[in-house]
Amino acid sequence: MCQLSLRPLRLSDEADARAAHAEFAGEGFDFLLELRAGEPWAIYVRRLDGIHRGGDVPPDRVPATFLVAEVDGTLVGRVSIRHELNDFLANFGGHIGYGVRPAYRGRGHARAMVRQALVVARRAGVGRVLLTCDDGNEASASIIERAGGVLEDIRVAPDGIGKRRYWIG
């Protein structure tokens, strides 16, 4: 398997990142978090950095680190590491959210992303890390369990979907 690395979005990532965003849209999942319609790419990238530093955080959000997963120069996925939890995240979203582009699934990328995201979460001061996944998402549940996740419970989210809640560390 090729070496996967997590890194911040760059100005040069626009075309690849927007393509990934379009791929995920069909699954009801946002690849690019907090992207505003018509927003220039440079402003978006700068705003993500501000959210990482704790500034420009919308009232219903928390400081977070948004990173893309890259293999051989290609964006294969993304991860968001939330530095703290609000009510929604504590119940349904967790500290780490991740997604792998459809064409790159089944290659171990999600496992590598979660492993590296846990290191980033620890550096951000997160002690115990909460990860969640849809109750029927066996692939994601397996990835979280292999990373050391211990199932606490399953809660029904506002959209009616059960969310498995796992703690690591």
Protein backbone atom coordinates (compact mmCIF):
# COMPACT_ATOMS: atom_id res chain seq x y z
CA MET A 1 0.00 0.00 0.00
CA CYS A 2 1.20 3.52 -0.79
CA GLN A 3 2.00 5.91 2.04
CA LEU A 4 -0.97 8.03 3.08
CA SER A 5 -0.40 11.41 4.67
CA LEU A 6 -2.76 13.94 6.22
CA ARG A 7 -2.19 17.60 5.43
CA PRO A 8 -4.06 20.91 5.26
CA LEU A 9 -5.80 21.96 2.07
CA ARG A 10 -3.67 23.99 -0.32
CA LEU A 11 -4.64 26.58 -2.89
CA SER A 12 -3.53 24.10 -5.56
CA ASP A 13 -6.07 21.50 -4.33
CA GLU A 14 -9.14 23.33 -5.57
CA ALA A 15 -10.02 21.21 -8.62
CA ASP A 16 -9.40 17.86 -6.91
CA ALA A 17 -11.19 18.91 -3.70
CA ARG A 18 -14.22 20.25 -5.55
CA ALA A 19 -14.39 17.00 -7.56
CA ALA A 20 -14.34 15.03 -4.30
CA HIS A 21 -17.05 17.29 -2.89
CA ALA A 22 -19.25 16.56 -5.92
CA GLU A 23 -18.65 12.80 -5.53
CA PHE A 24 -19.76 12.88 -1.90
CA ALA A 25 -22.80 15.07 -2.58
CA GLY A 26 -24.57 12.06 -4.10
CA GLU A 27 -24.12 10.24 -0.78
CA GLY A 28 -25.44 13.13 1.31
CA PHE A 29 -21.98 13.75 2.78
CA ASP A 30 -19.90 16.94 2.62
CA PHE A 31 -16.30 16.51 1.62
CA LEU A 32 -15.58 20.22 2.05
CA LEU A 33 -16.91 21.33 5.41
CA GLU A 34 -18.25 24.84 5.91
CA LEU A 35 -17.93 25.67 2.19
CA ARG A 36 -20.15 28.64 1.35
CA ALA A 37 -21.80 28.94 -2.06
CA GLY A 38 -19.75 31.14 -4.38
CA GLU A 39 -16.94 31.54 -1.86
CA PRO A 40 -13.51 32.07 -3.46
CA TRP A 41 -11.19 29.13 -2.80
CA ALA A 42 -8.44 31.21 -1.17
CA ILE A 43 -10.91 32.66 1.34
CA TYR A 44 -12.27 29.18 2.10
CA VAL A 45 -8.79 27.77 2.75
CA ARG A 46 -7.94 30.77 4.95
CA ARG A 47 -11.23 30.37 6.86
CA LEU A 48 -10.48 26.70 7.60
CA ASP A 49 -7.17 27.78 9.07
CA GLY A 50 -9.02 30.29 11.25
CA ILE A 51 -11.40 27.59 12.49
CA HIS A 52 -8.37 25.45 13.31
CA ARG A 53 -6.93 28.29 15.39
CA GLY A 54 -10.28 28.88 17.14
CA GLY A 55 -11.27 32.04 15.30
CA ASP A 56 -14.12 32.43 12.82
CA VAL A 57 -15.93 29.48 14.42
CA PRO A 58 -19.68 29.62 13.72
CA PRO A 59 -21.82 29.59 16.91
CA ASP A 60 -23.03 26.01 16.36
CA ARG A 61 -19.52 24.66 15.59
CA VAL A 62 -16.28 24.04 17.49
CA PRO A 63 -12.60 24.62 16.70
CA ALA A 64 -11.45 21.86 14.36
CA THR A 65 -8.58 20.76 12.18
CA PHE A 66 -9.58 19.91 8.60
CA LEU A 67 -7.05 17.76 6.75
CA VAL A 68 -7.05 15.95 3.44
CA ALA A 69 -5.63 12.47 2.96
CA GLU A 70 -3.17 12.23 0.11
CA VAL A 71 -1.63 9.21 -1.60
CA ASP A 72 0.83 9.73 -4.46
CA GLY A 73 -0.38 13.30 -5.01
CA THR A 74 -4.08 12.38 -5.13
CA LEU A 75 -6.67 13.40 -2.56
CA VAL A 76 -8.26 10.14 -1.44
CA GLY A 77 -10.23 11.42 1.53
CA ARG A 78 -10.60 13.93 4.31
CA VAL A 79 -10.74 14.07 8.07
CA SER A 80 -12.05 16.65 10.52
CA ILE A 81 -10.66 16.58 14.06
CA ARG A 82 -12.84 18.55 16.47
CA HIS A 83 -10.88 19.95 19.40
CA GLU A 84 -13.92 19.90 21.70
CA LEU A 85 -17.52 18.69 21.65
CA ASN A 86 -20.80 20.58 21.65
CA ASP A 87 -24.10 18.81 22.46
CA PHE A 88 -24.61 17.50 18.94
CA LEU A 89 -21.05 16.20 18.57
CA ALA A 90 -21.13 14.62 22.05
CA ASN A 91 -24.20 12.64 21.07
CA PHE A 92 -23.86 11.97 17.35
CA GLY A 93 -20.74 13.38 15.67
CA GLY A 94 -17.71 12.77 17.84
CA HIS A 95 -14.22 14.25 17.73
CA ILE A 96 -13.23 12.72 14.39
CA GLY A 97 -15.19 12.63 11.16
CA TYR A 98 -13.72 11.08 8.03
CA GLY A 99 -14.57 10.02 4.54
CA VAL A 100 -12.80 8.21 1.71
CA ARG A 101 -13.63 8.98 -1.92
CA PRO A 102 -15.62 6.14 -3.51
CA ALA A 103 -12.90 5.14 -5.99
CA TYR A 104 -10.36 4.70 -3.18
CA ARG A 105 -12.39 2.70 -0.67
CA GLY A 106 -11.38 -0.78 0.45
CA ARG A 107 -7.65 -0.03 0.31
CA GLY A 108 -6.97 0.64 4.02
CA HIS A 109 -7.03 4.42 3.66
CA ALA A 110 -9.73 4.97 6.29
CA ARG A 111 -7.79 2.93 8.82
CA ALA A 112 -4.64 4.99 8.18
CA MET A 113 -6.63 8.22 8.34
CA VAL A 114 -8.17 7.37 11.71
CA ARG A 115 -4.83 6.27 13.13
CA GLN A 116 -3.19 9.56 12.07
CA ALA A 117 -6.20 11.65 13.14
CA LEU A 118 -5.93 10.22 16.65
CA VAL A 119 -2.39 11.62 16.86
CA VAL A 120 -3.64 15.04 15.71
CA ALA A 121 -6.47 14.92 18.27
CA ARG A 122 -4.02 14.19 21.08
CA ARG A 123 -1.82 17.11 19.97
CA ALA A 124 -4.92 19.34 20.08
CA GLY A 125 -5.41 18.37 23.73
CA VAL A 126 -8.19 15.81 23.34
CA GLY A 127 -7.84 13.09 26.00
CA ARG A 128 -10.54 10.51 25.36
CA VAL A 129 -11.61 10.56 21.72
CA LEU A 130 -15.20 9.94 20.64
CA LEU A 131 -15.82 8.47 17.19
CA THR A 132 -19.24 7.69 15.79
CA CYS A 133 -20.65 5.91 12.77
CA ASP A 134 -24.06 4.95 11.46
CA ASP A 135 -25.37 1.82 13.13
CA GLY A 136 -25.47 -0.06 9.83
CA ASN A 137 -21.99 0.98 8.67
CA GLU A 138 -20.08 -2.20 9.50
CA ALA A 139 -16.95 -1.10 7.61
CA SER A 140 -16.62 2.08 9.68
CA ALA A 141 -17.47 0.25 12.92
CA SER A 142 -14.70 -2.25 12.18
CA ILE A 143 -12.18 0.53 11.49
CA ILE A 144 -13.04 2.28 14.76
CA GLU A 145 -12.92 -0.98 16.74
CA ARG A 146 -9.54 -1.91 15.22
CA ALA A 147 -8.26 1.52 16.30
CA GLY A 148 -9.19 0.67 19.88
CA GLY A 149 -12.73 2.03 19.98
CA VAL A 150 -14.97 0.67 22.72
CA LEU A 151 -18.71 0.87 22.02
CA GLU A 152 -20.52 2.90 24.67
CA ASP A 153 -24.01 2.94 23.16
CA ILE A 154 -26.16 3.60 20.11
CA ARG A 155 -28.21 6.81 20.00
CA VAL A 156 -30.83 7.84 17.48
CA ALA A 157 -29.85 11.08 15.73
CA PRO A 158 -32.37 13.76 14.76
CA ASP A 159 -32.47 12.29 11.23
CA GLY A 160 -33.67 8.97 12.71
CA ILE A 161 -30.42 7.09 12.05
CA GLY A 162 -28.81 5.18 14.90
CA LYS A 163 -25.27 6.33 15.70
CA ARG A 164 -22.76 3.98 17.31
CA ARG A 165 -20.63 5.90 19.84
CA TYR A 166 -17.10 4.61 20.48
CA TRP A 167 -14.45 5.92 22.87
CA ILE A 168 -10.70 5.55 22.43
CA GLY A 169 -8.25 6.19 25.24
